N, C-alpha and C. Protein backbone atom coordinates (compact mmCIF):
# COMPACT_ATOMS: atom_id res chain seq x y z
N MET A 1 97.56 169.54 -24.76
CA MET A 1 97.87 169.37 -25.98
C MET A 1 98.98 170.71 -25.89
N SER A 2 100.23 170.32 -25.95
CA SER A 2 101.19 171.42 -26.05
C SER A 2 101.04 172.48 -27.34
N LEU A 3 101.39 173.56 -26.86
CA LEU A 3 101.32 174.93 -27.88
C LEU A 3 101.70 174.37 -29.10
N LEU A 4 101.00 174.47 -30.44
CA LEU A 4 101.53 174.83 -31.55
C LEU A 4 102.77 175.29 -32.12
N THR A 5 103.33 174.83 -32.90
CA THR A 5 104.35 175.65 -33.68
C THR A 5 103.91 176.34 -34.66
N VAL A 6 104.27 177.48 -35.24
CA VAL A 6 104.01 178.20 -36.64
C VAL A 6 103.66 177.13 -37.67
N GLN A 7 105.03 176.35 -37.46
CA GLN A 7 104.99 175.46 -38.68
C GLN A 7 103.56 174.77 -38.49
N THR A 8 103.77 174.19 -37.62
CA THR A 8 102.53 173.06 -37.76
C THR A 8 100.85 173.78 -37.75
N HIS A 9 100.46 174.94 -37.30
CA HIS A 9 100.10 175.55 -37.28
C HIS A 9 99.47 175.56 -38.86
N ILE A 10 100.36 176.24 -39.36
CA ILE A 10 100.36 176.37 -41.21
C ILE A 10 100.26 175.17 -41.72
N GLN A 11 100.72 174.16 -41.13
CA GLN A 11 100.42 172.83 -41.86
C GLN A 11 98.95 172.26 -41.56
N TYR A 12 98.54 172.83 -40.37
CA TYR A 12 96.75 172.13 -40.53
C TYR A 12 96.08 173.10 -41.22
N LYS A 13 96.35 174.31 -41.39
CA LYS A 13 95.69 175.59 -42.01
C LYS A 13 95.81 174.95 -43.44
N LYS A 14 96.83 174.17 -43.83
CA LYS A 14 96.72 173.76 -45.55
C LYS A 14 95.68 172.60 -45.29
N ILE A 15 95.97 171.33 -44.04
CA ILE A 15 95.05 170.35 -44.49
C ILE A 15 93.45 170.91 -44.60
N CYS A 16 93.32 171.82 -43.65
CA CYS A 16 91.90 172.03 -43.74
C CYS A 16 91.41 172.63 -45.26
N GLN A 17 92.25 173.59 -45.87
CA GLN A 17 92.13 173.69 -47.05
C GLN A 17 91.83 172.87 -48.35
N SER A 18 93.13 171.68 -48.59
CA SER A 18 92.76 170.66 -49.03
C SER A 18 91.70 170.26 -48.80
N ILE A 19 91.39 169.64 -47.69
CA ILE A 19 89.89 168.60 -47.25
C ILE A 19 88.87 169.63 -47.95
N LEU A 20 88.88 170.92 -47.74
CA LEU A 20 87.70 171.75 -48.23
C LEU A 20 87.78 171.64 -49.89
N SER A 21 88.91 171.50 -50.61
CA SER A 21 88.79 171.40 -52.08
C SER A 21 88.26 170.04 -52.63
N LEU A 22 87.90 169.02 -51.71
CA LEU A 22 87.76 167.70 -51.92
C LEU A 22 86.19 167.44 -52.41
N ASP A 23 85.47 168.45 -52.01
CA ASP A 23 84.13 168.45 -52.20
C ASP A 23 82.99 169.86 -51.95
N LEU A 24 82.77 170.50 -53.13
CA LEU A 24 81.94 171.12 -53.20
C LEU A 24 81.25 171.44 -52.08
N THR A 25 80.49 170.26 -51.34
CA THR A 25 79.29 169.93 -50.54
C THR A 25 79.78 170.59 -48.83
N ILE A 26 81.15 170.70 -49.01
CA ILE A 26 81.95 170.89 -47.68
C ILE A 26 81.69 172.39 -47.66
N LYS A 27 81.41 172.80 -46.37
CA LYS A 27 81.54 174.56 -45.86
C LYS A 27 82.17 174.92 -45.25
N PHE A 28 82.98 174.07 -44.55
CA PHE A 28 83.96 174.20 -43.41
C PHE A 28 84.73 172.96 -42.76
N VAL A 29 85.90 173.26 -42.87
CA VAL A 29 86.59 172.06 -41.95
C VAL A 29 87.48 173.02 -41.13
N GLY A 30 87.58 172.52 -39.68
CA GLY A 30 88.37 172.82 -38.72
C GLY A 30 89.19 171.70 -38.24
N ILE A 31 90.32 172.13 -37.40
CA ILE A 31 91.18 171.22 -36.52
C ILE A 31 90.69 171.47 -34.96
N VAL A 32 89.88 170.92 -34.19
CA VAL A 32 89.74 170.92 -32.90
C VAL A 32 90.94 170.07 -31.95
N SER A 33 91.15 170.60 -30.89
CA SER A 33 91.87 170.52 -30.38
C SER A 33 91.15 169.13 -29.27
N ASN A 34 92.12 168.35 -28.33
CA ASN A 34 91.93 167.30 -27.60
C ASN A 34 91.04 168.20 -26.70
N ASN A 35 91.26 169.46 -26.22
CA ASN A 35 90.13 169.95 -25.40
C ASN A 35 89.30 171.13 -25.78
N GLY A 36 88.66 170.59 -27.09
CA GLY A 36 87.32 171.36 -27.67
C GLY A 36 87.42 172.74 -28.00
N ARG A 37 88.64 173.12 -28.30
CA ARG A 37 88.95 174.54 -28.93
C ARG A 37 89.33 174.34 -30.45
N LEU A 38 89.24 175.30 -31.30
CA LEU A 38 89.22 175.44 -32.36
C LEU A 38 90.74 175.96 -32.50
N VAL A 39 91.64 175.04 -33.32
CA VAL A 39 92.94 175.58 -33.54
C VAL A 39 93.22 176.51 -34.91
N THR A 40 92.02 175.66 -36.16
CA THR A 40 92.03 176.76 -36.96
C THR A 40 91.06 176.09 -37.95
N GLY A 41 91.14 176.80 -39.08
CA GLY A 41 89.59 176.33 -39.96
C GLY A 41 89.67 176.98 -41.19
N SER A 42 89.01 176.31 -42.00
CA SER A 42 88.96 177.04 -43.67
C SER A 42 87.33 177.21 -43.64
N SER A 43 86.89 177.89 -44.45
CA SER A 43 85.34 177.93 -44.81
C SER A 43 85.44 178.47 -46.13
N ARG A 44 84.36 178.11 -47.13
CA ARG A 44 84.24 178.64 -48.48
C ARG A 44 83.32 180.46 -48.20
N LYS A 45 83.77 180.76 -49.05
CA LYS A 45 83.70 182.64 -48.84
C LYS A 45 82.49 182.32 -49.13
N ASN A 46 81.75 183.77 -48.29
CA ASN A 46 80.11 183.78 -48.69
C ASN A 46 79.09 182.71 -48.05
N ILE A 47 79.70 182.31 -46.87
CA ILE A 47 79.05 180.99 -46.27
C ILE A 47 78.44 182.12 -44.82
N GLN A 48 76.92 181.58 -44.83
CA GLN A 48 76.25 182.12 -43.76
C GLN A 48 76.20 180.84 -42.44
N LEU A 49 77.00 181.43 -41.60
CA LEU A 49 77.06 180.63 -40.30
C LEU A 49 75.41 179.87 -39.57
N GLN A 50 75.45 178.82 -39.51
CA GLN A 50 74.01 178.42 -38.87
C GLN A 50 74.05 178.53 -37.52
N VAL A 51 75.32 178.56 -36.79
CA VAL A 51 75.14 178.80 -35.34
C VAL A 51 76.14 179.77 -34.90
N GLN A 52 75.47 180.57 -33.81
CA GLN A 52 76.46 181.48 -33.24
C GLN A 52 77.94 181.17 -32.92
N ASN A 53 79.06 182.19 -32.81
CA ASN A 53 80.16 181.97 -32.07
C ASN A 53 80.29 181.23 -30.95
N ASN A 54 79.43 181.42 -29.93
CA ASN A 54 79.32 180.88 -28.47
C ASN A 54 78.95 179.62 -28.29
N GLU A 55 78.20 179.19 -29.50
CA GLU A 55 77.32 177.71 -29.84
C GLU A 55 78.45 177.06 -30.80
N CYS A 56 78.81 177.35 -31.21
CA CYS A 56 80.31 177.19 -32.30
C CYS A 56 81.16 176.32 -31.17
N GLU A 57 81.77 176.99 -30.20
CA GLU A 57 82.49 176.75 -28.78
C GLU A 57 81.94 175.34 -28.48
N MET A 58 80.56 175.61 -27.83
CA MET A 58 80.13 174.26 -27.81
C MET A 58 80.01 173.28 -28.38
N LEU A 59 79.53 173.07 -29.66
CA LEU A 59 79.73 172.29 -30.77
C LEU A 59 81.06 171.41 -30.65
N TYR A 60 82.35 172.36 -30.70
CA TYR A 60 83.51 171.37 -30.76
C TYR A 60 83.74 170.84 -29.65
N MET A 61 83.39 171.39 -28.35
CA MET A 61 83.73 171.00 -26.88
C MET A 61 83.19 169.32 -27.08
N GLU A 62 81.78 169.42 -27.52
CA GLU A 62 80.78 168.09 -27.68
C GLU A 62 81.57 167.25 -28.73
N ALA A 63 81.61 167.70 -29.59
CA ALA A 63 82.74 166.99 -30.17
C ALA A 63 84.03 166.45 -30.14
N SER A 64 84.75 167.22 -29.22
CA SER A 64 86.03 166.49 -28.83
C SER A 64 85.55 165.65 -27.72
N LEU A 65 84.64 165.95 -26.76
CA LEU A 65 84.38 164.94 -25.84
C LEU A 65 83.86 163.76 -25.99
N GLY A 66 83.25 163.70 -27.15
CA GLY A 66 82.29 162.72 -27.68
C GLY A 66 83.55 161.35 -28.44
N MET A 67 84.18 162.32 -28.78
CA MET A 67 85.41 161.24 -29.57
C MET A 67 86.23 160.84 -28.37
N ARG A 68 86.73 161.64 -27.47
CA ARG A 68 87.29 160.67 -26.56
C ARG A 68 86.92 159.55 -25.90
N MET A 69 85.51 159.80 -25.59
CA MET A 69 84.59 158.60 -25.28
C MET A 69 84.67 157.56 -26.00
N HIS A 70 84.49 157.68 -27.58
CA HIS A 70 84.27 156.63 -28.13
C HIS A 70 85.66 156.26 -28.29
N ARG A 71 86.77 156.74 -28.12
CA ARG A 71 88.36 156.12 -27.90
C ARG A 71 88.63 155.03 -27.04
N GLU A 72 87.91 155.42 -25.82
CA GLU A 72 87.93 154.40 -24.63
C GLU A 72 87.62 153.22 -25.26
N PHE A 73 87.00 152.64 -26.28
CA PHE A 73 86.37 151.40 -26.61
C PHE A 73 87.32 151.03 -27.66
N ASP A 74 88.26 151.91 -28.34
CA ASP A 74 89.30 151.26 -29.30
C ASP A 74 89.86 149.92 -29.13
N HIS A 75 90.25 149.72 -28.14
CA HIS A 75 91.02 148.20 -27.47
C HIS A 75 90.09 147.07 -27.89
N CYS A 76 88.83 147.48 -27.94
CA CYS A 76 88.05 146.21 -28.12
C CYS A 76 87.20 146.36 -29.49
N LEU A 77 86.82 147.09 -29.80
CA LEU A 77 85.84 147.58 -31.12
C LEU A 77 86.66 148.21 -31.94
N GLY A 78 88.13 148.66 -32.12
CA GLY A 78 89.00 149.46 -33.05
C GLY A 78 88.84 150.54 -33.04
N GLU A 79 89.85 151.21 -33.82
CA GLU A 79 89.76 152.71 -33.61
C GLU A 79 88.38 153.37 -34.70
N VAL A 80 88.21 154.41 -34.00
CA VAL A 80 86.95 154.95 -35.04
C VAL A 80 87.84 155.70 -36.20
N ASP A 81 87.38 155.15 -37.21
CA ASP A 81 87.50 155.97 -38.32
C ASP A 81 86.85 157.32 -38.70
N PHE A 82 85.57 157.54 -38.63
CA PHE A 82 85.17 158.81 -38.49
C PHE A 82 83.46 158.59 -37.88
N GLU A 83 83.11 159.71 -37.71
CA GLU A 83 81.36 160.26 -37.07
C GLU A 83 80.89 160.98 -38.10
N ILE A 84 79.83 160.56 -38.39
CA ILE A 84 78.67 161.47 -39.06
C ILE A 84 77.44 162.21 -38.58
N SER A 85 77.28 163.35 -38.18
CA SER A 85 75.63 163.40 -37.80
C SER A 85 75.05 164.01 -38.89
N HIS A 86 73.88 163.48 -39.55
CA HIS A 86 73.07 163.61 -40.17
C HIS A 86 72.24 164.42 -39.89
N ARG A 87 72.10 165.57 -40.20
CA ARG A 87 70.94 166.73 -39.98
C ARG A 87 70.01 167.02 -40.66
N LYS A 88 68.67 167.72 -40.37
CA LYS A 88 68.09 168.56 -40.99
C LYS A 88 68.42 169.13 -42.43
N ASN A 89 69.25 169.93 -41.49
CA ASN A 89 69.95 171.08 -42.72
C ASN A 89 71.49 170.96 -43.25
N PHE A 90 72.13 170.21 -42.23
CA PHE A 90 73.23 170.19 -42.86
C PHE A 90 74.05 168.87 -42.35
N ASN A 91 75.53 168.58 -42.33
CA ASN A 91 75.63 167.35 -41.73
C ASN A 91 77.14 167.87 -40.88
N ILE A 92 77.83 167.12 -39.80
CA ILE A 92 79.14 167.24 -39.28
C ILE A 92 79.35 166.09 -39.85
N THR A 93 80.48 166.07 -39.81
CA THR A 93 81.90 164.60 -40.01
C THR A 93 82.74 165.05 -39.13
N LYS A 94 83.23 163.92 -37.97
CA LYS A 94 84.58 164.29 -37.37
C LYS A 94 85.45 162.72 -37.37
N ILE A 95 86.38 163.42 -38.03
CA ILE A 95 87.56 162.41 -37.88
C ILE A 95 88.97 162.63 -37.07
N PRO A 96 88.93 161.59 -36.22
CA PRO A 96 90.44 161.71 -35.21
C PRO A 96 91.33 162.26 -36.37
N PHE A 97 92.34 162.58 -35.65
CA PHE A 97 93.52 162.96 -36.34
C PHE A 97 94.21 163.51 -35.34
N MET A 98 95.66 162.43 -35.13
CA MET A 98 96.52 162.92 -34.29
C MET A 98 96.04 163.02 -32.56
N GLU A 99 95.69 163.74 -32.20
CA GLU A 99 95.35 163.88 -30.78
C GLU A 99 94.46 165.16 -31.08
N ASN A 100 94.16 165.36 -32.15
CA ASN A 100 93.06 166.18 -32.24
C ASN A 100 91.85 165.79 -33.50
N LEU A 101 90.82 166.39 -34.07
CA LEU A 101 89.79 165.57 -34.54
C LEU A 101 89.49 166.87 -35.57
N VAL A 102 89.60 166.31 -37.02
CA VAL A 102 88.92 166.90 -37.88
C VAL A 102 87.58 167.07 -37.90
N PHE A 103 86.98 168.72 -37.61
CA PHE A 103 85.58 168.61 -37.69
C PHE A 103 85.00 169.41 -39.45
N ILE A 104 84.24 168.47 -40.16
CA ILE A 104 83.70 169.16 -41.33
C ILE A 104 82.18 169.23 -41.24
N SER A 105 81.81 170.55 -41.53
CA SER A 105 80.20 170.93 -42.06
C SER A 105 80.05 170.78 -42.95
N ALA A 106 79.19 170.32 -43.65
CA ALA A 106 78.69 169.96 -45.04
C ALA A 106 77.18 170.07 -45.55
N GLU A 107 76.86 170.79 -46.55
CA GLU A 107 75.52 170.47 -47.03
C GLU A 107 74.80 169.28 -46.94
N LYS A 108 73.43 169.44 -46.79
CA LYS A 108 72.50 168.02 -46.77
C LYS A 108 73.22 167.15 -47.68
N ASN A 109 73.50 167.40 -49.00
CA ASN A 109 73.60 166.45 -50.42
C ASN A 109 75.33 165.90 -50.08
N PHE A 110 75.83 166.01 -49.13
CA PHE A 110 77.31 165.71 -48.66
C PHE A 110 76.97 164.30 -48.98
N ASP A 111 78.35 163.47 -49.62
CA ASP A 111 78.53 162.09 -50.08
C ASP A 111 79.06 161.11 -49.12
N PHE A 112 78.36 161.17 -47.88
CA PHE A 112 78.77 160.28 -46.56
C PHE A 112 79.15 159.16 -46.82
N ALA A 113 78.77 158.53 -48.09
CA ALA A 113 79.45 157.23 -48.01
C ALA A 113 80.55 156.98 -49.03
N LYS A 114 81.07 158.23 -49.52
CA LYS A 114 82.29 158.14 -50.29
C LYS A 114 83.24 159.15 -49.66
N THR A 115 82.82 160.58 -49.27
CA THR A 115 83.65 161.26 -49.10
C THR A 115 84.19 161.26 -47.52
N PRO A 116 84.10 161.11 -46.90
CA PRO A 116 84.47 160.85 -45.30
C PRO A 116 85.82 159.64 -45.59
N PHE A 117 85.63 158.69 -46.43
CA PHE A 117 86.94 157.61 -46.83
C PHE A 117 87.69 158.30 -47.40
N LEU A 118 87.30 159.15 -48.35
CA LEU A 118 88.46 160.05 -49.21
C LEU A 118 89.44 160.56 -48.13
N ILE A 119 88.74 161.43 -47.37
CA ILE A 119 89.29 162.33 -46.56
C ILE A 119 90.12 161.63 -45.77
N ASN A 120 89.75 160.38 -45.15
CA ASN A 120 90.60 159.77 -43.97
C ASN A 120 91.91 159.22 -44.84
N LYS A 121 91.75 158.76 -45.78
CA LYS A 121 92.97 158.07 -46.41
C LYS A 121 93.61 159.53 -46.93
N PHE A 122 93.15 160.42 -47.20
CA PHE A 122 93.85 161.56 -47.38
C PHE A 122 94.65 161.96 -45.97
N LEU A 123 94.53 162.02 -44.45
CA LEU A 123 94.71 162.20 -43.48
C LEU A 123 96.00 161.18 -42.94
N LYS A 124 95.59 160.24 -43.57
CA LYS A 124 96.87 158.80 -43.30
C LYS A 124 97.80 159.25 -44.33
N ARG A 125 97.84 159.49 -45.63
CA ARG A 125 98.80 159.52 -46.20
C ARG A 125 99.53 160.80 -45.53
N GLU A 126 98.96 161.94 -45.43
CA GLU A 126 99.77 163.07 -44.87
C GLU A 126 100.23 162.55 -43.27
N LYS A 127 99.89 162.02 -42.58
CA LYS A 127 100.60 161.33 -41.61
C LYS A 127 101.48 160.42 -41.22
N GLN A 128 101.49 159.66 -42.81
CA GLN A 128 102.81 158.73 -42.86
C GLN A 128 103.81 159.08 -43.69
N ASN A 129 103.22 160.57 -44.25
CA ASN A 129 104.29 161.38 -45.01
C ASN A 129 105.00 162.60 -44.19
N ASN A 130 104.79 162.07 -42.80
CA ASN A 130 105.20 163.07 -41.71
C ASN A 130 105.18 164.61 -41.76
N PHE A 131 104.08 164.83 -42.36
CA PHE A 131 103.70 166.02 -42.83
C PHE A 131 103.56 166.87 -41.35
N PHE A 132 103.17 166.35 -40.13
CA PHE A 132 102.95 166.98 -38.96
C PHE A 132 104.07 166.42 -38.26
N GLU A 133 104.62 167.39 -37.54
CA GLU A 133 105.61 167.21 -36.01
C GLU A 133 104.70 166.48 -35.38
N SER A 134 105.89 165.60 -34.46
CA SER A 134 105.24 164.70 -33.22
C SER A 134 105.04 165.80 -32.23
N SER A 135 103.84 165.88 -31.22
CA SER A 135 103.63 166.57 -30.44
C SER A 135 103.93 166.29 -29.07
């Protein structure tokens, strides 16, 4: 992935904040690069992290690698809209966006039947409106 411009970084930050405002159960939203690095993110205030910083890096790399592997089947199965890991303590939702992915951590009562579709619709609208520069 090429280096992001300051403008693109600001736009990514705004998208994270917008997604965070869509659902109160969402605790963290980040943009993860194709190589598994957190580009930017936003979280609710006073949130206690469930994992350590070095574990976060591993989590982002795993998410990025998994999404790249799933994209290998786009030609026969169609594009991935989103993926959800429903865990005992919280949910993780991953949504492809441009060459990156949107990584969302939410409480266990996250409405995974509704909210990921709202987020995906929002991201598609932003992409169509040329909100992001071509990378």
